[in-house]
Protein backbone atom coordinates (compact mmCIF):
# COMPACT_ATOMS: atom_id res chain seq x y z
CA UNK A 1 173.35 177.51 287.33
CA UNK A 2 174.67 180.52 285.37
CA UNK A 3 178.24 179.29 285.78
CA UNK A 4 177.41 175.90 284.29
CA UNK A 5 175.47 177.57 281.45
CA UNK A 6 178.44 179.77 280.67
CA UNK A 7 180.77 176.77 280.81
CA UNK A 8 178.60 174.78 278.41
CA UNK A 9 178.53 177.65 275.93
CA UNK A 10 182.26 178.21 276.22
CA UNK A 11 182.82 174.52 275.35
CA UNK A 12 181.40 175.13 271.88
CA UNK A 13 184.21 175.22 269.32
CA UNK A 14 183.68 178.82 268.26
CA UNK A 15 187.23 178.84 266.90
CA UNK A 16 186.16 176.25 264.31
CA UNK A 17 182.88 178.02 263.56
CA UNK A 18 184.68 181.35 263.12
CA UNK A 19 187.28 179.79 260.85
CA UNK A 20 184.58 178.17 258.73
CA UNK A 21 182.71 181.48 258.45
CA UNK A 22 185.85 183.38 257.42
CA UNK A 23 186.78 180.74 254.84
CA UNK A 24 183.28 180.36 253.41
CA UNK A 25 182.43 181.80 250.02
CA UNK A 26 178.82 182.17 251.18
CA UNK A 27 179.49 184.30 254.26
CA UNK A 28 180.14 187.96 253.50
CA UNK A 29 181.05 188.96 257.08
CA UNK A 30 184.33 190.71 257.78
CA UNK A 31 186.61 189.28 260.50
CA UNK A 32 185.21 191.85 262.96
CA UNK A 33 181.64 190.94 262.04
CA UNK A 34 182.39 187.23 262.52
CA UNK A 35 183.63 187.93 266.06
CA UNK A 36 180.63 190.16 266.81
CA UNK A 37 178.24 187.57 265.36
CA UNK A 38 179.75 184.84 267.55
CA UNK A 39 179.29 186.99 270.66
CA UNK A 40 175.69 187.70 269.67
CA UNK A 41 175.06 183.99 269.07
CA UNK A 42 176.36 183.27 272.57
CA UNK A 43 173.81 185.78 273.87
CA UNK A 44 171.09 184.05 271.84
CA UNK A 45 172.02 180.71 273.41
CA UNK A 46 171.92 182.23 276.90
CA UNK A 47 168.46 183.65 276.18
CA UNK A 48 167.29 180.25 274.96
CA UNK A 49 168.72 178.51 278.04
CA UNK A 50 166.97 181.06 280.28
CA UNK A 51 163.69 180.84 278.30
CA UNK A 52 163.39 177.23 277.08
CA UNK A 53 159.67 177.36 276.36
CA UNK A 54 159.65 180.67 274.49
CA UNK A 55 159.72 180.61 270.69
CA UNK A 56 161.85 183.47 269.35
CA UNK A 57 163.82 184.35 266.24
CA UNK A 58 167.49 185.36 266.14
CA UNK A 59 168.99 188.44 264.54
CA UNK A 60 170.79 188.12 261.23
CA UNK A 61 174.15 187.93 263.02
CA UNK A 62 172.98 185.23 265.43
CA UNK A 63 171.34 183.25 262.66
CA UNK A 64 174.44 183.25 260.46
CA UNK A 65 176.56 181.70 263.23
CA UNK A 66 173.77 179.25 263.99
CA UNK A 67 173.82 178.12 260.34
CA UNK A 68 177.54 177.39 260.55
CA UNK A 69 177.23 175.76 263.98
CA UNK A 70 174.49 173.39 262.84
CA UNK A 71 176.54 172.22 259.84
CA UNK A 72 178.75 170.21 262.19
CA UNK A 73 175.79 168.05 263.14
CA UNK A 74 177.54 165.79 265.62
CA UNK A 75 179.10 168.66 267.61
CA UNK A 76 175.90 170.68 267.33
CA UNK A 77 173.82 167.82 268.70
CA UNK A 78 176.25 167.28 271.58
CA UNK A 79 176.30 171.01 272.35
CA UNK A 80 172.49 171.15 272.36
CA UNK A 81 172.19 168.21 274.71
CA UNK A 82 174.78 169.75 277.03
CA UNK A 83 173.07 173.16 277.06
CA UNK A 84 169.37 172.28 276.77
CA UNK A 85 169.13 168.56 277.46
CA UNK A 86 167.55 168.27 274.01
CA UNK A 87 168.25 169.02 270.35
CA UNK A 88 167.44 172.63 269.43
CA UNK A 89 165.78 172.63 266.03
CA UNK A 90 166.19 175.42 263.51
CA UNK A 91 163.02 176.44 261.68
CA UNK A 92 163.85 178.29 258.45
CA UNK A 93 161.40 180.53 256.68
CA UNK A 94 160.38 179.56 253.17
CA UNK A 95 159.39 183.07 252.09
CA UNK A 96 156.70 182.97 249.39
CA UNK A 97 155.91 179.33 250.15
CA UNK A 98 154.76 180.18 253.67
CA UNK A 99 151.24 181.01 254.77
CA UNK A 100 150.64 184.79 254.99
CA UNK A 101 150.39 184.52 258.76
CA UNK A 102 154.02 183.29 258.90
CA UNK A 103 155.40 186.81 258.30
CA UNK A 104 153.48 188.13 261.31
CA UNK A 105 154.61 185.14 263.37
CA UNK A 106 158.23 185.85 262.39
CA UNK A 107 157.86 189.50 263.36
CA UNK A 108 156.34 188.58 266.72
CA UNK A 109 159.02 185.97 267.31
CA UNK A 110 161.78 188.50 266.61
CA UNK A 111 160.11 191.05 268.90
CA UNK A 112 159.97 188.47 271.72
CA UNK A 113 163.69 187.88 271.36
CA UNK A 114 164.37 191.63 271.23
CA UNK A 115 162.39 192.18 274.44
CA UNK A 116 164.21 189.36 276.25
CA UNK A 117 167.53 190.67 274.93
CA UNK A 118 166.86 194.23 276.13
CA UNK A 119 165.80 192.96 279.56
CA UNK A 120 168.97 190.90 279.94
CA UNK A 121 171.60 193.06 278.20
CA UNK A 122 170.19 196.58 278.56
CA UNK A 123 170.15 197.48 274.87
CA UNK A 124 168.68 196.37 271.56
CA UNK A 125 170.16 193.33 269.84
CA UNK A 126 172.89 194.09 267.33
CA UNK A 127 171.90 193.43 263.71
CA UNK A 128 173.56 193.72 260.34
CA UNK A 129 171.73 195.83 257.79
CA UNK A 130 170.91 194.16 254.51
CA UNK A 131 171.30 190.55 255.52
CA UNK A 132 168.93 187.64 255.88
CA UNK A 133 167.27 188.14 259.27
CA UNK A 134 163.97 187.05 257.76
CA UNK A 135 165.40 183.72 256.62
CA UNK A 136 164.88 182.12 259.99
CA UNK A 137 161.56 181.85 261.70
CA UNK A 138 163.09 180.99 265.02
CA UNK A 139 163.37 178.07 267.32
CA UNK A 140 160.96 175.65 268.79
CA UNK A 141 160.74 174.97 272.49
CA UNK A 142 163.71 172.58 272.38
CA UNK A 143 161.51 169.65 271.48
CA UNK A 144 162.79 166.34 270.21
CA UNK A 145 160.42 166.42 267.25
């Protein structure tokens, strides 16, 4: 199954996502950071494939690529169905508009991802200091809702 997972991830048009990130006025990543972020996003997708019923939040690098990936809704939907058999929803955080418990939930969700990441890759997830890692509260369990 790992081979097919890898193949499905490699079919994502990361060349287009990377180009869009580099050309965007809203993305402040250097070319090297874009490449690193794409690799980290691939790791995030692998973790989600391996743990479909676990809710966890991405790092800032992962989340930035996810934002650009999801903008191409048709490709994103196709990619999700190929990888997960379902659409993978993104659940953004709304900061001060959230319930106070949401911050704790976000922290727990990020820690779950970090634990899974360390178990699989042998080190902590790579993050970018000073970016918006708190902007995303994570993913659902690949539901169709």
